[in-house]
Amino acid sequence: MSAKPDFATMSTIELRAYVLGHRNDEEALHAYLDKLHSESPRSRVYQPEDDVSEAIAEYMQHKNSNA
């Protein structure tokens, strides 16, 4: 059995690759999500029952204003 890598020292890209290769590793998933949130604290995770139409409209407006 191999030791787990140090998630704190991994880049976001490395962590993503690890999570995709180890889909049952919840610790890695949490480390990846924590790293994503620390890099983009305004990001939000939506639940399936959430109405995301306002968020999509806001995203599209922001995207179009930067084009």
N, C-alpha and C. Protein backbone atom coordinates (compact mmCIF):
# COMPACT_ATOMS: atom_id res chain seq x y z
N MET A 1 0.84 -1.18 0.00
CA MET A 1 0.00 0.00 0.00
C MET A 1 0.88 1.24 0.00
N SER A 2 0.64 2.15 -0.91
CA SER A 2 1.47 3.35 -1.00
C SER A 2 0.90 4.47 -0.14
N ALA A 3 1.78 5.34 0.30
CA ALA A 3 1.37 6.48 1.12
C ALA A 3 0.70 7.52 0.24
N LYS A 4 -0.25 8.24 0.82
CA LYS A 4 -0.93 9.31 0.09
C LYS A 4 0.03 10.48 -0.09
N PRO A 5 -0.11 11.19 -1.19
CA PRO A 5 0.72 12.39 -1.38
C PRO A 5 0.30 13.49 -0.42
N ASP A 6 1.16 14.47 -0.27
CA ASP A 6 0.86 15.63 0.56
C ASP A 6 0.01 16.59 -0.27
N PHE A 7 -1.29 16.59 -0.03
CA PHE A 7 -2.21 17.40 -0.83
C PHE A 7 -1.92 18.89 -0.70
N ALA A 8 -1.41 19.32 0.44
CA ALA A 8 -1.14 20.74 0.66
C ALA A 8 -0.04 21.27 -0.27
N THR A 9 0.85 20.41 -0.70
CA THR A 9 1.95 20.87 -1.56
C THR A 9 1.64 20.69 -3.04
N MET A 10 0.53 20.05 -3.36
CA MET A 10 0.18 19.81 -4.76
C MET A 10 -0.49 21.04 -5.36
N SER A 11 -0.26 21.25 -6.64
CA SER A 11 -0.94 22.34 -7.35
C SER A 11 -2.39 21.93 -7.59
N THR A 12 -3.20 22.88 -7.98
CA THR A 12 -4.61 22.58 -8.29
C THR A 12 -4.71 21.56 -9.41
N ILE A 13 -3.87 21.71 -10.41
CA ILE A 13 -3.88 20.79 -11.56
C ILE A 13 -3.48 19.38 -11.11
N GLU A 14 -2.46 19.29 -10.27
CA GLU A 14 -2.03 17.98 -9.77
C GLU A 14 -3.12 17.34 -8.91
N LEU A 15 -3.74 18.15 -8.06
CA LEU A 15 -4.81 17.63 -7.21
C LEU A 15 -5.99 17.14 -8.04
N ARG A 16 -6.34 17.90 -9.06
CA ARG A 16 -7.46 17.50 -9.93
C ARG A 16 -7.15 16.16 -10.59
N ALA A 17 -5.95 16.02 -11.09
CA ALA A 17 -5.55 14.76 -11.73
C ALA A 17 -5.61 13.61 -10.73
N TYR A 18 -5.15 13.87 -9.51
CA TYR A 18 -5.18 12.83 -8.47
C TYR A 18 -6.62 12.44 -8.15
N VAL A 19 -7.48 13.43 -7.97
CA VAL A 19 -8.89 13.16 -7.64
C VAL A 19 -9.55 12.36 -8.76
N LEU A 20 -9.28 12.72 -10.00
CA LEU A 20 -9.87 11.99 -11.12
C LEU A 20 -9.38 10.54 -11.17
N GLY A 21 -8.16 10.31 -10.74
CA GLY A 21 -7.62 8.97 -10.72
C GLY A 21 -7.96 8.16 -9.47
N HIS A 22 -8.43 8.86 -8.44
CA HIS A 22 -8.76 8.23 -7.15
C HIS A 22 -10.12 8.74 -6.69
N ARG A 23 -11.14 8.41 -7.44
CA ARG A 23 -12.48 8.97 -7.22
C ARG A 23 -13.09 8.61 -5.87
N ASN A 24 -12.61 7.62 -5.19
CA ASN A 24 -13.16 7.24 -3.88
C ASN A 24 -12.42 7.90 -2.72
N ASP A 25 -11.43 8.71 -3.01
CA ASP A 25 -10.62 9.35 -1.97
C ASP A 25 -11.26 10.68 -1.57
N GLU A 26 -12.10 10.62 -0.54
CA GLU A 26 -12.81 11.83 -0.11
C GLU A 26 -11.87 12.89 0.46
N GLU A 27 -10.81 12.47 1.11
CA GLU A 27 -9.84 13.43 1.65
C GLU A 27 -9.22 14.26 0.52
N ALA A 28 -8.89 13.60 -0.58
CA ALA A 28 -8.32 14.30 -1.73
C ALA A 28 -9.34 15.25 -2.33
N LEU A 29 -10.58 14.80 -2.43
CA LEU A 29 -11.64 15.65 -2.99
C LEU A 29 -11.81 16.90 -2.14
N HIS A 30 -11.84 16.74 -0.82
CA HIS A 30 -11.98 17.90 0.06
C HIS A 30 -10.79 18.84 -0.06
N ALA A 31 -9.60 18.29 -0.18
CA ALA A 31 -8.40 19.12 -0.35
C ALA A 31 -8.49 19.91 -1.65
N TYR A 32 -8.95 19.25 -2.71
CA TYR A 32 -9.10 19.91 -4.01
C TYR A 32 -10.13 21.03 -3.94
N LEU A 33 -11.28 20.75 -3.35
CA LEU A 33 -12.32 21.77 -3.24
C LEU A 33 -11.87 22.93 -2.36
N ASP A 34 -11.16 22.64 -1.28
CA ASP A 34 -10.62 23.70 -0.41
C ASP A 34 -9.65 24.58 -1.18
N LYS A 35 -8.79 23.95 -1.99
CA LYS A 35 -7.81 24.72 -2.77
C LYS A 35 -8.52 25.59 -3.80
N LEU A 36 -9.53 25.03 -4.47
CA LEU A 36 -10.30 25.82 -5.44
C LEU A 36 -10.95 27.02 -4.77
N HIS A 37 -11.55 26.78 -3.60
CA HIS A 37 -12.22 27.87 -2.89
C HIS A 37 -11.22 28.92 -2.41
N SER A 38 -10.05 28.51 -1.99
CA SER A 38 -9.06 29.49 -1.53
C SER A 38 -8.55 30.34 -2.69
N GLU A 39 -8.53 29.77 -3.90
CA GLU A 39 -8.09 30.52 -5.07
C GLU A 39 -9.19 31.43 -5.61
N SER A 40 -10.43 31.06 -5.37
CA SER A 40 -11.57 31.83 -5.86
C SER A 40 -12.65 31.83 -4.79
N PRO A 41 -12.48 32.63 -3.73
CA PRO A 41 -13.41 32.57 -2.59
C PRO A 41 -14.84 32.99 -2.92
N ARG A 42 -15.05 33.67 -4.02
CA ARG A 42 -16.42 34.09 -4.37
C ARG A 42 -17.20 32.98 -5.06
N SER A 43 -16.52 31.89 -5.40
CA SER A 43 -17.20 30.80 -6.09
C SER A 43 -18.22 30.16 -5.16
N ARG A 44 -19.23 29.57 -5.74
CA ARG A 44 -20.30 28.97 -4.96
C ARG A 44 -20.66 27.62 -5.56
N VAL A 45 -20.98 26.69 -4.71
CA VAL A 45 -21.44 25.38 -5.14
C VAL A 45 -22.95 25.38 -5.04
N TYR A 46 -23.61 25.07 -6.13
CA TYR A 46 -25.06 25.04 -6.15
C TYR A 46 -25.58 23.63 -5.95
N GLN A 47 -26.73 23.53 -5.34
CA GLN A 47 -27.39 22.25 -5.15
C GLN A 47 -28.35 22.01 -6.32
N PRO A 48 -28.70 20.76 -6.60
CA PRO A 48 -29.60 20.47 -7.74
C PRO A 48 -30.93 21.22 -7.67
N GLU A 49 -31.42 21.48 -6.48
CA GLU A 49 -32.72 22.15 -6.35
C GLU A 49 -32.62 23.69 -6.43
N ASP A 50 -31.41 24.24 -6.48
CA ASP A 50 -31.23 25.69 -6.55
C ASP A 50 -31.64 26.24 -7.91
N ASP A 51 -32.20 27.45 -7.89
CA ASP A 51 -32.51 28.16 -9.14
C ASP A 51 -31.25 28.92 -9.52
N VAL A 52 -30.59 28.49 -10.57
CA VAL A 52 -29.32 29.09 -10.97
C VAL A 52 -29.47 30.07 -12.13
N SER A 53 -30.69 30.36 -12.53
CA SER A 53 -30.90 31.24 -13.69
C SER A 53 -30.28 32.63 -13.47
N GLU A 54 -30.39 33.16 -12.26
CA GLU A 54 -29.82 34.47 -11.98
C GLU A 54 -28.28 34.42 -12.05
N ALA A 55 -27.70 33.37 -11.52
CA ALA A 55 -26.24 33.22 -11.56
C ALA A 55 -25.76 33.08 -13.00
N ILE A 56 -26.49 32.35 -13.81
CA ILE A 56 -26.11 32.18 -15.22
C ILE A 56 -26.21 33.50 -15.95
N ALA A 57 -27.28 34.26 -15.72
CA ALA A 57 -27.44 35.56 -16.37
C ALA A 57 -26.31 36.51 -15.96
N GLU A 58 -25.95 36.49 -14.68
CA GLU A 58 -24.86 37.34 -14.19
C GLU A 58 -23.53 36.93 -14.83
N TYR A 59 -23.29 35.63 -14.92
CA TYR A 59 -22.07 35.13 -15.55
C TYR A 59 -22.01 35.55 -17.02
N MET A 60 -23.11 35.40 -17.74
CA MET A 60 -23.14 35.74 -19.16
C MET A 60 -22.92 37.25 -19.36
N GLN A 61 -23.51 38.06 -18.49
CA GLN A 61 -23.34 39.51 -18.59
C GLN A 61 -21.87 39.85 -18.37
N HIS A 62 -21.25 39.25 -17.36
CA HIS A 62 -19.83 39.51 -17.06
C HIS A 62 -18.95 39.03 -18.23
N LYS A 63 -19.27 37.86 -18.75
CA LYS A 63 -18.48 37.30 -19.85
C LYS A 63 -18.58 38.18 -21.09
N ASN A 64 -19.77 38.66 -21.40
CA ASN A 64 -19.97 39.49 -22.59
C ASN A 64 -19.33 40.88 -22.45
N SER A 65 -19.28 41.39 -21.22
CA SER A 65 -18.67 42.71 -21.01
C SER A 65 -17.15 42.65 -21.11
N ASN A 66 -16.58 41.46 -20.94
CA ASN A 66 -15.13 41.28 -21.04
C ASN A 66 -14.70 40.88 -22.45
N ALA A 67 -15.65 40.64 -23.32
CA ALA A 67 -15.31 40.19 -24.69
C ALA A 67 -14.91 41.33 -25.58
